[in-house]
Amino acid sequence: MSARRKKSKSSKANQLEKSSSAADQAMRKSSSDESMAVSSSLNTSIPRTPITSRTPVSSRMAMLEDGDEELELNLLGDQERREARQGLEREEEEDSADHAKRPVSSKDKRAMMLLCVLYLIQGVPLGLALGSVPFLLKDHLSYSQLATFALSSYPYSLKLLWSPIVDSIFSPYIGRRKSWIIPMQLTVGSVMLYISLNVQRLMDNPENHVNELTFVFTSLVLISATQDIAVDGWALTLLSHENLSYASTCQTIGLNTGYFASFTVFLAFNSVEFSEKWGVPHLSLSGYLRFWSIICYLVTFWLLFFKKEDKEPATEADLSIKGVYKTIWAICKLKHVQSLIVVHFFGKLGFAANEAATSLKMVEKGFKREELAIAVLIDFPFQIIGGYLAASWSRGDRPLRPWIWAFWPRLGFGLMATFIVYYFPTPPISNGFFVFLIVHTVLSSFSSTVQFVGISAFHTRISDPLIGGTYMTLLNTFTNLGGTWPKWFILKGVDAFSVATCKVVEAGTEIAVKASECVSEHGQATCREIGGTCVTETDGYYIISAGCFIFGIIFLVAYIIPTAKKLQELPPLAWRVKLS
């Protein structure tokens, strides 16, 4: 019996080796054939791993057909399966250690610098649309009008809808990725130049130009999201195979730097009080936009004439536009994926009010924009540290455990933020209270980072390696959308549940006239025109915050926790899709 089992093992090993060798030959052949059409998956997070001679045996086995893999697993006993898995994990660790010892080539270093610059250009408009501009508009617009402007952030969460088009249509003469990056960057520079030339008209009376502001910044984010798709794909060929992990590092550095430059740094230098206090030049929105439009033009000019794009090897799967959309639909039909989508779509609703309206409310209470910018700037290095720690916690068989645990402090900090707004002291605030706000910001951000890294680790684990880019993009789209879609409803709800009156004194008698809102300058000016004082009697922010918090607790206990525990126990095969 023992001899027969050994013989069976030897036979299966030989078959696997032959299959692996044949796959190597096929891949080398397809890579050398440059005349074939070039296509790949959506390439936003996980690259497609080609079956080459330097790919570990474990990766080759993962890329075999589902039926063959199930057959091999069934032929092995439990003890043998555990031993095989341990052996493959040791081989992967040794392979990773070998790659870690190799120095980064000068070509890869130049590629990393280029990626950081390209991601930086994307982060600049995002920091404006999602960060600084809403705060600049806060004194002039109601929450309902701010909700309209908040629609400008939606395209970045919906880029999956047109990413197959960006992946499949290109000019071979210019290059697959440059065909999209060059026109998108030129357009971004032109839109920012247009805004800089019209910023006085748009920002002086924003209540009369809400729709135009929303359209312009939505276009800016839409174009940046399209460029992001192309840059993500280019990163997979710019970097060598063993240094592909640095692509996400470049994205983090570039996007965060651009975002914080447009949000934190710009808000500080745009403040007249900050400029006078520290003796630095005042930075206007118009000048800031003109500067970055010039940077966009210069980088695009360099890409067009001085940077050549290498041709990408052809891949074996059907990744045409139709093929990618069919794959997306096949993934969405999996029951486990549908449960995960429900979690993503409603999971962030518990702290949506805190993330959408709390900062705006604090500014309304008298918190200065430059003080908010300093708090966010101090929080930035802690986010980097938190990401590293969360990555180590999310390893192992239960990557969702830290993600689940982080829900409780994140909900708690959201509730605490509501009380901070309610008991916000009359300005100027003391240094002790400012330090308290910074500590609260850091801890709240840390819990958010733990959740982001934890769910990303889970997505990486469950994604089918044959369609990893498409799979990851789909899951990340629903994750991002879960934090984006409630924002419009939150801001609309703040105004809808608020009760405001304009109190007018006539002949010694106080008359209360119903007002639409007492938040914006327009609402207050309307009340002043009839000689009254605008007073908010019921603030809808607290009603919305309480509703979100209660829903978040119930949904977490009743659905998220039991569902997450079931999902992380499923074997990888349960998440696979069959490609026709």
Protein backbone atom coordinates (compact mmCIF):
# COMPACT_ATOMS: atom_id res chain seq x y z
CA MET A 1 0.00 0.00 0.00
CA SER A 2 2.83 2.40 0.95
CA ALA A 3 4.79 1.57 -2.22
CA ARG A 4 1.69 2.13 -4.34
CA ARG A 5 1.10 5.53 -2.74
CA LYS A 6 4.73 6.55 -3.31
CA LYS A 7 4.43 5.52 -6.92
CA SER A 8 1.24 7.53 -7.28
CA LYS A 9 2.91 10.57 -5.75
CA SER A 10 5.88 10.22 -8.08
CA SER A 11 3.59 9.93 -11.09
CA LYS A 12 1.63 13.01 -10.10
CA ALA A 13 4.81 14.99 -9.50
CA ASN A 14 6.09 14.06 -12.96
CA GLN A 15 2.78 15.10 -14.52
CA LEU A 16 2.88 18.44 -12.72
CA GLU A 17 6.46 19.02 -13.80
CA LYS A 18 5.60 18.22 -17.40
CA SER A 19 2.60 20.55 -17.30
CA SER A 20 4.76 23.28 -15.79
CA SER A 21 7.46 22.80 -18.44
CA ALA A 22 4.89 22.95 -21.24
CA ALA A 23 3.40 26.13 -19.77
CA ASP A 24 6.89 27.68 -19.62
CA GLN A 25 7.47 26.93 -23.30
CA ALA A 26 4.08 28.32 -24.28
CA MET A 27 4.67 31.54 -22.33
CA ARG A 28 8.14 32.06 -23.79
CA LYS A 29 6.68 31.58 -27.23
CA SER A 30 3.86 34.07 -26.69
CA SER A 31 6.22 36.62 -25.14
CA SER A 32 8.50 36.50 -28.17
CA ASP A 33 5.68 37.02 -30.64
CA GLU A 34 5.43 40.82 -30.69
CA SER A 35 2.91 40.89 -33.51
CA MET A 36 0.15 39.47 -31.31
CA ALA A 37 -2.49 41.78 -29.82
CA VAL A 38 -1.56 43.10 -26.39
CA SER A 39 -4.09 42.84 -23.58
CA SER A 40 -4.19 42.34 -19.84
CA SER A 41 -6.52 42.63 -16.90
CA LEU A 42 -7.49 45.90 -15.27
CA ASN A 43 -4.22 46.10 -13.40
CA THR A 44 -5.19 48.21 -10.43
CA SER A 45 -3.81 46.20 -7.57
CA ILE A 46 -2.57 42.70 -8.36
CA PRO A 47 -0.65 41.98 -11.56
CA ARG A 48 -1.30 38.90 -13.63
CA THR A 49 1.55 36.50 -12.89
CA PRO A 50 2.93 34.88 -16.03
CA ILE A 51 3.95 31.24 -15.83
CA THR A 52 7.68 31.53 -16.36
CA SER A 53 10.72 29.68 -15.23
CA ARG A 54 11.27 32.07 -12.35
CA THR A 55 7.75 31.67 -11.01
CA PRO A 56 7.60 29.50 -7.86
CA VAL A 57 6.09 26.04 -8.17
CA SER A 58 3.28 27.11 -5.84
CA SER A 59 2.27 29.88 -8.27
CA ARG A 60 2.34 27.47 -11.19
CA MET A 61 0.10 25.02 -9.39
CA ALA A 62 -2.32 27.84 -8.52
CA MET A 63 -2.68 28.62 -12.19
CA LEU A 64 -3.70 25.13 -13.24
CA GLU A 65 -7.28 24.47 -14.24
CA ASP A 66 -9.74 24.27 -11.34
CA GLY A 67 -10.67 20.69 -12.15
CA ASP A 68 -7.05 19.50 -12.20
CA GLU A 69 -6.39 21.23 -8.89
CA GLU A 70 -9.39 19.63 -7.23
CA LEU A 71 -8.33 16.20 -8.56
CA GLU A 72 -4.82 16.56 -7.14
CA LEU A 73 -6.14 17.67 -3.75
CA ASN A 74 -8.60 14.81 -3.57
CA LEU A 75 -5.88 12.24 -4.28
CA LEU A 76 -3.89 13.41 -1.26
CA GLY A 77 -4.70 12.61 2.36
CA ASP A 78 -5.10 15.29 5.03
CA GLN A 79 -1.60 14.79 6.44
CA GLU A 80 -0.05 14.82 2.97
CA ARG A 81 -1.98 17.94 2.08
CA ARG A 82 -0.67 19.75 5.15
CA GLU A 83 2.89 18.67 4.43
CA ALA A 84 2.59 19.77 0.80
CA ARG A 85 1.21 23.16 1.85
CA GLN A 86 4.01 23.68 4.37
CA GLY A 87 6.59 22.76 1.76
CA LEU A 88 5.13 25.23 -0.74
CA GLU A 89 5.01 27.99 1.87
CA ARG A 90 8.70 27.38 2.70
CA GLU A 91 9.54 27.56 -0.99
CA GLU A 92 7.64 30.84 -1.34
CA GLU A 93 9.48 32.30 1.67
CA GLU A 94 12.85 31.26 0.22
CA ASP A 95 11.90 32.73 -3.16
CA SER A 96 10.83 36.00 -1.51
CA ALA A 97 14.06 36.12 0.50
CA ASP A 98 16.14 35.69 -2.68
CA HIS A 99 14.27 38.57 -4.32
CA ALA A 100 14.71 40.76 -1.23
CA LYS A 101 18.49 40.31 -1.34
CA ARG A 102 18.76 41.54 -4.93
CA PRO A 103 19.59 45.27 -5.21
CA VAL A 104 17.13 47.51 -7.05
CA SER A 105 18.47 48.27 -10.52
CA SER A 106 18.94 51.84 -11.74
CA LYS A 107 16.24 51.22 -14.37
CA ASP A 108 13.74 50.31 -11.67
CA LYS A 109 14.74 53.35 -9.61
CA ARG A 110 14.04 55.63 -12.58
CA ALA A 111 10.74 53.85 -13.15
CA MET A 112 9.78 54.37 -9.50
CA MET A 113 10.52 58.09 -9.75
CA LEU A 114 8.37 58.34 -12.88
CA LEU A 115 5.50 56.48 -11.21
CA CYS A 116 5.68 58.74 -8.15
CA VAL A 117 5.45 61.82 -10.40
CA LEU A 118 2.51 60.43 -12.38
CA TYR A 119 0.62 59.49 -9.22
CA LEU A 120 1.48 62.89 -7.74
CA ILE A 121 -0.27 64.61 -10.66
CA GLN A 122 -3.37 62.50 -9.93
CA GLY A 123 -3.33 63.39 -6.25
CA VAL A 124 -3.38 67.15 -6.83
CA PRO A 125 -6.93 67.42 -8.31
CA LEU A 126 -8.19 64.83 -5.81
CA GLY A 127 -6.91 66.92 -2.90
CA LEU A 128 -8.70 69.96 -4.33
CA ALA A 129 -12.04 68.29 -5.10
CA LEU A 130 -12.24 66.09 -2.00
CA GLY A 131 -10.33 68.28 0.44
CA SER A 132 -9.67 71.99 0.23
CA VAL A 133 -12.39 73.34 -2.12
CA PRO A 134 -15.33 72.12 0.05
CA PHE A 135 -13.78 74.01 2.98
CA LEU A 136 -13.36 77.14 0.88
CA LEU A 137 -17.01 76.87 -0.16
CA LYS A 138 -18.28 76.10 3.34
CA ASP A 139 -18.88 79.75 4.31
CA HIS A 140 -20.89 80.42 1.16
CA LEU A 141 -22.97 77.28 0.57
CA SER A 142 -25.59 75.30 2.45
CA TYR A 143 -25.07 71.60 3.15
CA SER A 144 -27.46 70.74 0.33
CA GLN A 145 -25.33 72.74 -2.10
CA LEU A 146 -22.19 71.10 -0.72
CA ALA A 147 -23.88 67.75 -1.34
CA THR A 148 -24.20 68.69 -5.01
CA PHE A 149 -20.50 69.52 -5.16
CA ALA A 150 -19.69 66.23 -3.39
CA LEU A 151 -20.82 64.41 -6.55
CA SER A 152 -17.47 65.40 -8.06
CA SER A 153 -15.76 62.64 -6.03
CA TYR A 154 -17.87 59.81 -7.48
CA PRO A 155 -15.94 59.09 -10.73
CA TYR A 156 -12.88 57.80 -8.85
CA SER A 157 -15.04 55.12 -7.23
CA LEU A 158 -16.66 54.11 -10.53
CA LYS A 159 -13.63 53.83 -12.80
CA LEU A 160 -14.15 50.07 -13.15
CA LEU A 161 -17.01 50.86 -15.55
CA TRP A 162 -14.67 52.19 -18.27
CA SER A 163 -11.33 50.65 -17.29
CA PRO A 164 -11.74 47.75 -19.81
CA ILE A 165 -11.92 50.36 -22.56
CA VAL A 166 -8.71 52.02 -21.37
CA ASP A 167 -7.06 48.61 -21.18
CA SER A 168 -8.04 47.55 -24.71
CA ILE A 169 -8.02 50.61 -27.01
CA PHE A 170 -4.69 52.29 -27.75
CA SER A 171 -2.31 53.42 -30.48
CA PRO A 172 0.60 50.99 -31.06
CA TYR A 173 2.69 53.88 -32.38
CA ILE A 174 2.42 55.94 -29.18
CA GLY A 175 2.26 53.05 -26.72
CA ARG A 176 -0.48 51.23 -24.90
CA ARG A 177 -0.37 53.30 -21.71
CA LYS A 178 0.96 56.57 -23.11
CA SER A 179 -1.99 56.61 -25.54
CA TRP A 180 -4.14 57.48 -22.52
CA ILE A 181 -1.73 59.13 -20.08
CA ILE A 182 -0.60 61.88 -22.49
CA PRO A 183 -4.08 63.18 -23.51
CA MET A 184 -5.42 62.81 -19.97
CA GLN A 185 -2.57 64.84 -18.45
CA LEU A 186 -2.93 67.52 -21.13
CA THR A 187 -6.63 67.72 -20.33
CA VAL A 188 -5.99 67.88 -16.57
CA GLY A 189 -3.55 70.76 -17.12
CA SER A 190 -6.01 72.56 -19.38
CA VAL A 191 -8.94 72.17 -16.96
CA MET A 192 -6.84 73.47 -14.06
CA LEU A 193 -5.74 76.41 -16.23
CA TYR A 194 -9.40 77.14 -17.07
CA ILE A 195 -10.35 77.11 -13.38
CA SER A 196 -7.43 79.41 -12.51
CA LEU A 197 -8.58 81.96 -15.10
CA ASN A 198 -12.19 81.85 -13.85
CA VAL A 199 -11.64 81.26 -10.13
CA GLN A 200 -12.55 84.82 -9.18
CA ARG A 201 -15.94 84.57 -10.87
CA LEU A 202 -16.65 81.06 -9.59
CA MET A 203 -15.54 81.49 -5.97
CA ASP A 204 -16.76 85.02 -5.24
CA ASN A 205 -20.40 84.00 -5.71
CA PRO A 206 -20.30 80.19 -5.57
CA GLU A 207 -24.00 79.88 -4.71
CA ASN A 208 -24.74 81.06 -8.26
CA HIS A 209 -22.19 78.71 -9.85
CA VAL A 210 -22.66 75.46 -7.92
CA ASN A 211 -23.52 73.45 -11.03
CA GLU A 212 -20.56 74.81 -13.01
CA LEU A 213 -18.17 74.16 -10.12
CA THR A 214 -19.51 70.62 -9.77
CA PHE A 215 -19.19 69.95 -13.50
CA VAL A 216 -15.63 71.30 -13.73
CA PHE A 217 -14.30 69.37 -10.73
CA THR A 218 -16.20 66.21 -11.69
CA SER A 219 -14.50 66.39 -15.08
CA LEU A 220 -11.15 66.89 -13.36
CA VAL A 221 -11.62 63.82 -11.14
CA LEU A 222 -12.98 61.76 -14.04
CA ILE A 223 -9.90 62.51 -16.15
CA SER A 224 -7.56 61.79 -13.24
CA ALA A 225 -9.30 58.46 -12.62
CA THR A 226 -8.85 57.52 -16.28
CA GLN A 227 -5.17 58.40 -16.08
CA ASP A 228 -4.90 56.27 -12.93
CA ILE A 229 -6.10 53.20 -14.83
CA ALA A 230 -3.38 53.65 -17.46
CA VAL A 231 -0.64 54.38 -14.91
CA ASP A 232 -1.59 51.29 -12.88
CA GLY A 233 -1.21 49.18 -16.00
CA TRP A 234 2.08 50.80 -17.00
CA ALA A 235 3.58 50.11 -13.57
CA LEU A 236 3.46 46.38 -14.32
CA THR A 237 5.86 46.73 -17.26
CA LEU A 238 7.95 49.67 -16.04
CA LEU A 239 9.15 47.65 -13.04
CA SER A 240 10.91 44.30 -13.19
CA HIS A 241 9.06 41.22 -11.99
CA GLU A 242 10.85 40.98 -8.63
CA ASN A 243 10.20 44.69 -7.85
CA LEU A 244 6.51 44.83 -8.76
CA SER A 245 5.62 45.17 -5.08
CA TYR A 246 7.08 48.70 -5.19
CA ALA A 247 4.27 49.80 -7.52
CA SER A 248 1.84 50.16 -4.60
CA THR A 249 4.52 52.03 -2.65
CA CYS A 250 4.92 54.53 -5.51
CA GLN A 251 1.14 54.92 -5.67
CA THR A 252 0.90 55.57 -1.94
CA ILE A 253 3.75 58.11 -1.96
CA GLY A 254 2.58 59.92 -5.09
CA LEU A 255 -1.15 60.08 -4.39
CA ASN A 256 -0.76 60.99 -0.72
CA THR A 257 1.84 63.67 -1.48
CA GLY A 258 -0.36 65.26 -4.15
CA TYR A 259 -3.46 64.99 -1.98
CA PHE A 260 -1.85 66.55 1.09
CA ALA A 261 -0.20 69.27 -1.02
CA SER A 262 -3.61 70.31 -2.35
CA PHE A 263 -5.41 69.85 0.96
CA THR A 264 -3.20 70.40 3.99
CA VAL A 265 -0.40 72.56 2.57
CA PHE A 266 -2.65 74.65 0.33
CA LEU A 267 -5.23 75.39 3.06
CA ALA A 268 -2.46 76.58 5.37
CA PHE A 269 -0.74 78.84 2.84
CA ASN A 270 -4.11 80.07 1.52
CA SER A 271 -4.94 81.44 4.98
CA VAL A 272 -4.16 85.14 5.39
CA GLU A 273 -3.71 84.69 9.15
CA PHE A 274 -1.23 81.84 8.63
CA SER A 275 0.78 83.92 6.13
CA GLU A 276 0.94 86.93 8.45
CA LYS A 277 1.78 84.82 11.51
CA TRP A 278 4.66 82.92 9.90
CA GLY A 279 5.78 85.54 7.38
CA VAL A 280 5.23 83.35 4.31
CA PRO A 281 3.72 84.46 0.98
CA HIS A 282 -0.04 84.09 0.60
CA LEU A 283 -0.94 81.36 -1.92
CA SER A 284 -4.08 81.94 -3.97
CA LEU A 285 -6.14 79.16 -5.56
CA SER A 286 -5.56 80.71 -8.97
CA GLY A 287 -1.76 80.72 -8.58
CA TYR A 288 -1.74 77.18 -7.20
CA LEU A 289 -3.75 75.86 -10.16
CA ARG A 290 -1.57 77.66 -12.71
CA PHE A 291 1.57 76.16 -11.15
CA TRP A 292 0.25 72.61 -11.43
CA SER A 293 -1.08 73.12 -14.95
CA ILE A 294 2.46 74.05 -16.02
CA ILE A 295 3.83 70.93 -14.26
CA CYS A 296 1.28 68.79 -16.15
CA TYR A 297 2.34 70.27 -19.49
CA LEU A 298 6.07 69.78 -18.76
CA VAL A 299 5.70 66.16 -17.65
CA THR A 300 3.47 65.38 -20.64
CA PHE A 301 6.00 66.98 -23.02
CA TRP A 302 8.77 64.83 -21.53
CA LEU A 303 6.68 61.65 -21.83
CA LEU A 304 5.80 62.37 -25.42
CA PHE A 305 9.31 63.05 -26.73
CA PHE A 306 11.79 61.49 -24.28
CA LYS A 307 10.16 58.42 -22.72
CA LYS A 308 9.69 55.31 -24.81
CA GLU A 309 7.17 52.71 -23.75
CA ASP A 310 8.18 49.07 -24.06
CA LYS A 311 5.81 46.66 -25.76
CA GLU A 312 3.87 44.38 -23.45
CA PRO A 313 3.89 40.62 -23.96
CA ALA A 314 0.67 39.03 -25.14
CA THR A 315 -1.36 37.00 -22.64
CA GLU A 316 -3.28 33.81 -23.10
CA ALA A 317 -6.71 34.82 -21.81
CA ASP A 318 -9.54 36.57 -23.63
CA LEU A 319 -9.19 40.07 -22.24
CA SER A 320 -11.00 42.06 -24.90
CA ILE A 321 -13.53 44.66 -23.74
CA LYS A 322 -16.34 42.12 -24.00
CA GLY A 323 -14.24 39.46 -22.28
CA VAL A 324 -13.44 41.66 -19.29
CA TYR A 325 -17.07 42.69 -18.81
CA LYS A 326 -18.11 39.03 -18.99
CA THR A 327 -15.52 38.23 -16.33
CA ILE A 328 -16.83 41.01 -14.08
CA TRP A 329 -20.37 39.67 -14.42
CA ALA A 330 -19.20 36.12 -13.67
CA ILE A 331 -17.52 37.33 -10.48
CA CYS A 332 -20.64 39.24 -9.38
CA LYS A 333 -22.78 36.11 -9.76
CA LEU A 334 -20.80 34.26 -7.07
CA LYS A 335 -22.89 34.07 -3.87
CA HIS A 336 -19.89 34.76 -1.63
CA VAL A 337 -18.97 37.84 -3.66
CA GLN A 338 -22.55 39.12 -3.42
CA SER A 339 -22.41 38.83 0.38
CA LEU A 340 -19.08 40.68 0.40
CA ILE A 341 -20.54 43.42 -1.81
CA VAL A 342 -23.40 43.96 0.67
CA VAL A 343 -20.82 44.30 3.45
CA HIS A 344 -18.83 46.83 1.45
CA PHE A 345 -21.87 48.80 0.29
CA PHE A 346 -23.36 49.39 3.76
CA GLY A 347 -20.45 48.68 6.13
CA LYS A 348 -19.14 52.27 6.22
CA LEU A 349 -22.53 53.86 6.78
CA GLY A 350 -22.01 53.77 10.56
CA PHE A 351 -19.29 56.43 10.43
CA ALA A 352 -20.37 58.13 7.17
CA ALA A 353 -21.76 61.19 8.97
CA ASN A 354 -18.47 61.68 10.81
CA GLU A 355 -16.40 61.50 7.62
CA ALA A 356 -18.73 63.64 5.50
CA ALA A 357 -19.82 66.43 7.83
CA THR A 358 -17.83 66.58 11.09
CA SER A 359 -14.90 68.61 9.74
CA LEU A 360 -17.29 71.04 8.06
CA LYS A 361 -19.24 71.40 11.31
CA MET A 362 -16.05 72.12 13.26
CA VAL A 363 -15.14 74.88 10.79
CA GLU A 364 -18.68 76.23 11.20
CA LYS A 365 -18.15 76.26 14.99
CA GLY A 366 -15.01 78.37 14.57
CA PHE A 367 -12.21 75.84 14.02
CA LYS A 368 -9.76 77.54 11.67
CA ARG A 369 -8.94 75.89 8.36
CA GLU A 370 -5.20 76.21 8.94
CA GLU A 371 -5.54 74.49 12.33
CA LEU A 372 -7.41 71.65 10.67
CA ALA A 373 -4.66 71.45 8.05
CA ILE A 374 -1.98 71.18 10.74
CA ALA A 375 -3.90 68.38 12.48
CA VAL A 376 -4.17 66.43 9.22
CA LEU A 377 -0.48 67.02 8.46
CA ILE A 378 0.58 65.66 11.87
CA ASP A 379 -1.62 62.62 11.24
CA PHE A 380 0.14 61.75 7.95
CA PRO A 381 3.24 59.91 9.35
CA PHE A 382 1.04 57.99 11.77
CA GLN A 383 -0.94 56.68 8.81
CA ILE A 384 2.26 55.27 7.32
CA ILE A 385 3.18 53.58 10.61
CA GLY A 386 -0.37 52.29 11.02
CA GLY A 387 -0.28 50.79 7.55
CA TYR A 388 2.87 48.83 8.37
CA LEU A 389 1.46 47.50 11.63
CA ALA A 390 -1.88 46.62 10.08
CA ALA A 391 -0.13 44.68 7.32
CA SER A 392 1.59 42.45 9.89
CA TRP A 393 -1.68 41.93 11.80
CA SER A 394 -3.56 40.94 8.65
CA ARG A 395 -1.33 37.96 7.83
CA GLY A 396 -2.41 34.40 8.42
CA ASP A 397 -5.63 32.51 7.96
CA ARG A 398 -7.90 35.24 9.37
CA PRO A 399 -7.02 38.55 7.66
CA LEU A 400 -10.47 39.95 8.47
CA ARG A 401 -9.96 39.70 12.23
CA PRO A 402 -8.22 43.12 12.64
CA TRP A 403 -10.69 44.57 10.13
CA ILE A 404 -13.61 43.46 12.32
CA TRP A 405 -11.95 44.61 15.53
CA ALA A 406 -11.25 48.08 14.06
CA PHE A 407 -14.97 48.62 13.46
CA TRP A 408 -15.56 49.20 17.20
CA PRO A 409 -13.01 52.00 17.77
CA ARG A 410 -13.90 53.57 14.42
CA LEU A 411 -17.57 53.73 15.41
CA GLY A 412 -16.58 54.93 18.87
CA PHE A 413 -14.40 57.74 17.51
CA GLY A 414 -17.25 58.75 15.19
CA LEU A 415 -19.58 59.07 18.19
CA MET A 416 -16.90 60.99 20.09
CA ALA A 417 -16.58 63.39 17.15
CA THR A 418 -20.30 64.18 17.42
CA PHE A 419 -19.84 65.14 21.08
CA ILE A 420 -16.77 67.21 20.17
CA VAL A 421 -18.89 69.24 17.75
CA TYR A 422 -21.68 69.60 20.32
CA TYR A 423 -19.36 70.80 23.12
CA PHE A 424 -16.97 72.72 20.85
CA PRO A 425 -15.61 75.69 22.83
CA THR A 426 -15.92 79.28 21.75
CA PRO A 427 -12.83 80.29 19.71
CA PRO A 428 -9.99 80.76 20.22
CA ILE A 429 -9.48 77.18 21.36
CA SER A 430 -6.87 76.31 23.97
CA ASN A 431 -3.67 74.42 23.21
CA GLY A 432 -4.88 71.53 25.37
CA PHE A 433 -8.07 71.15 23.35
CA PHE A 434 -6.09 71.36 20.09
CA VAL A 435 -3.81 68.55 21.28
CA PHE A 436 -6.90 66.53 22.17
CA LEU A 437 -8.25 67.03 18.63
CA ILE A 438 -4.94 65.88 17.14
CA VAL A 439 -4.92 62.72 19.31
CA HIS A 440 -8.51 62.00 18.30
CA THR A 441 -7.65 62.52 14.61
CA VAL A 442 -4.62 60.21 14.81
CA LEU A 443 -6.46 57.39 16.59
CA SER A 444 -9.50 57.64 14.34
CA SER A 445 -7.28 57.60 11.26
CA PHE A 446 -5.33 54.64 12.64
CA SER A 447 -8.50 52.53 12.95
CA SER A 448 -9.42 53.49 9.39
CA THR A 449 -5.96 52.46 8.14
CA VAL A 450 -6.20 49.10 9.91
CA GLN A 451 -9.50 48.43 8.15
CA PHE A 452 -8.16 49.48 4.76
CA VAL A 453 -5.09 47.26 4.98
CA GLY A 454 -7.05 44.34 6.43
CA ILE A 455 -9.68 44.28 3.71
CA SER A 456 -6.99 44.74 1.04
CA ALA A 457 -5.15 41.69 2.40
CA PHE A 458 -8.37 39.69 2.25
CA HIS A 459 -9.01 40.80 -1.35
CA THR A 460 -5.50 39.70 -2.28
CA ARG A 461 -6.06 36.30 -0.71
CA ILE A 462 -9.38 35.50 -2.39
CA SER A 463 -8.75 36.95 -5.87
CA ASP A 464 -8.41 34.39 -8.65
CA PRO A 465 -4.75 34.60 -9.80
CA LEU A 466 -5.76 34.14 -13.43
CA ILE A 467 -7.88 37.32 -13.37
CA GLY A 468 -6.33 39.02 -10.37
CA GLY A 469 -6.43 42.57 -11.76
CA THR A 470 -10.10 42.40 -12.72
CA TYR A 471 -11.05 40.68 -9.48
CA MET A 472 -9.18 43.16 -7.28
CA THR A 473 -10.50 46.17 -9.18
CA LEU A 474 -14.08 44.98 -8.78
CA LEU A 475 -13.74 44.41 -5.02
CA ASN A 476 -11.88 47.69 -4.48
CA THR A 477 -14.55 49.53 -6.48
CA PHE A 478 -17.27 48.42 -4.09
CA THR A 479 -15.03 49.22 -1.11
CA ASN A 480 -14.48 52.78 -2.36
CA LEU A 481 -18.09 53.20 -3.41
CA GLY A 482 -19.24 52.19 0.07
CA GLY A 483 -17.51 55.27 1.45
CA THR A 484 -18.55 57.58 -1.37
CA TRP A 485 -22.24 57.05 -2.07
CA PRO A 486 -23.55 58.04 1.42
CA LYS A 487 -21.88 61.48 1.29
CA TRP A 488 -24.54 63.13 -0.88
CA PHE A 489 -27.36 61.77 1.32
CA ILE A 490 -25.57 62.76 4.54
CA LEU A 491 -25.10 66.39 3.51
CA LYS A 492 -28.62 66.61 2.09
CA GLY A 493 -29.98 65.10 5.31
CA VAL A 494 -28.21 67.67 7.50
CA ASP A 495 -30.22 70.44 5.84
CA ALA A 496 -33.42 68.38 5.60
CA PHE A 497 -33.55 67.66 9.36
CA SER A 498 -32.41 71.13 10.44
CA VAL A 499 -34.94 73.66 11.69
CA ALA A 500 -33.92 77.30 11.31
CA THR A 501 -35.82 80.51 12.07
CA CYS A 502 -35.18 84.15 11.36
CA LYS A 503 -36.12 86.10 14.48
CA VAL A 504 -37.27 89.66 13.72
CA VAL A 505 -38.08 92.25 16.40
CA GLU A 506 -40.89 94.65 15.44
CA ALA A 507 -42.31 97.17 17.89
CA GLY A 508 -40.79 95.27 20.80
CA THR A 509 -42.33 91.98 19.65
CA GLU A 510 -40.16 89.12 18.43
CA ILE A 511 -41.47 87.43 15.30
CA ALA A 512 -40.07 84.06 14.18
CA VAL A 513 -39.95 83.58 10.43
CA LYS A 514 -39.10 80.12 9.06
CA ALA A 515 -35.76 80.10 7.24
CA SER A 516 -34.41 77.53 4.81
CA GLU A 517 -31.06 77.41 6.64
CA CYS A 518 -28.78 79.54 8.78
CA VAL A 519 -25.45 78.04 7.77
CA SER A 520 -24.37 79.75 4.56
CA GLU A 521 -23.74 83.45 4.07
CA HIS A 522 -26.67 83.49 1.66
CA GLY A 523 -29.10 82.18 4.28
CA GLN A 524 -27.85 84.62 6.91
CA ALA A 525 -27.90 87.54 4.47
CA THR A 526 -31.51 86.78 3.51
CA CYS A 527 -32.47 87.02 7.17
CA ARG A 528 -30.52 90.23 7.67
CA GLU A 529 -32.32 91.83 4.74
CA ILE A 530 -35.56 91.78 6.74
CA GLY A 531 -33.77 92.96 9.88
CA GLY A 532 -33.65 89.63 11.65
CA THR A 533 -31.20 87.25 13.27
CA CYS A 534 -30.79 83.74 11.83
CA VAL A 535 -30.97 80.99 14.48
CA THR A 536 -30.64 77.21 14.02
CA GLU A 537 -33.04 75.61 16.50
CA THR A 538 -32.52 71.96 15.47
CA ASP A 539 -29.26 70.85 13.86
CA GLY A 540 -29.82 67.93 11.50
CA TYR A 541 -26.17 66.91 11.89
CA TYR A 542 -26.87 65.31 15.28
CA ILE A 543 -29.93 63.45 13.98
CA ILE A 544 -28.01 62.08 10.99
CA SER A 545 -25.02 61.16 13.17
CA ALA A 546 -27.21 59.29 15.66
CA GLY A 547 -29.02 57.43 12.87
CA CYS A 548 -25.76 56.38 11.21
CA PHE A 549 -24.24 55.24 14.51
CA ILE A 550 -27.28 53.14 15.47
CA PHE A 551 -27.43 51.55 12.02
CA GLY A 552 -23.69 50.87 12.12
CA ILE A 553 -23.88 49.01 15.44
CA ILE A 554 -26.89 46.92 14.38
CA PHE A 555 -25.47 46.09 10.94
CA LEU A 556 -22.07 45.21 12.42
CA VAL A 557 -23.49 42.77 14.98
CA ALA A 558 -26.30 41.31 12.89
CA TYR A 559 -24.60 40.96 9.49
CA ILE A 560 -20.96 42.04 9.14
CA ILE A 561 -19.39 39.94 11.90
CA PRO A 562 -21.17 36.62 11.13
CA THR A 563 -20.75 37.12 7.37
CA ALA A 564 -17.06 38.05 7.63
CA LYS A 565 -16.32 35.00 9.78
CA LYS A 566 -17.96 32.73 7.22
CA LEU A 567 -16.23 34.37 4.25
CA GLN A 568 -12.70 34.09 5.64
CA GLU A 569 -13.22 30.39 6.38
CA LEU A 570 -14.03 29.59 2.73
CA PRO A 571 -11.31 27.84 0.69
CA PRO A 572 -9.77 29.75 -2.24
CA LEU A 573 -11.60 27.50 -4.75
CA ALA A 574 -14.93 28.92 -3.57
CA TRP A 575 -13.95 32.32 -5.02
CA ARG A 576 -12.89 31.04 -8.45
CA VAL A 577 -14.80 31.70 -11.65
CA LYS A 578 -14.83 29.61 -14.80
CA LEU A 579 -13.58 31.47 -17.86
CA SER A 580 -15.12 30.48 -21.17
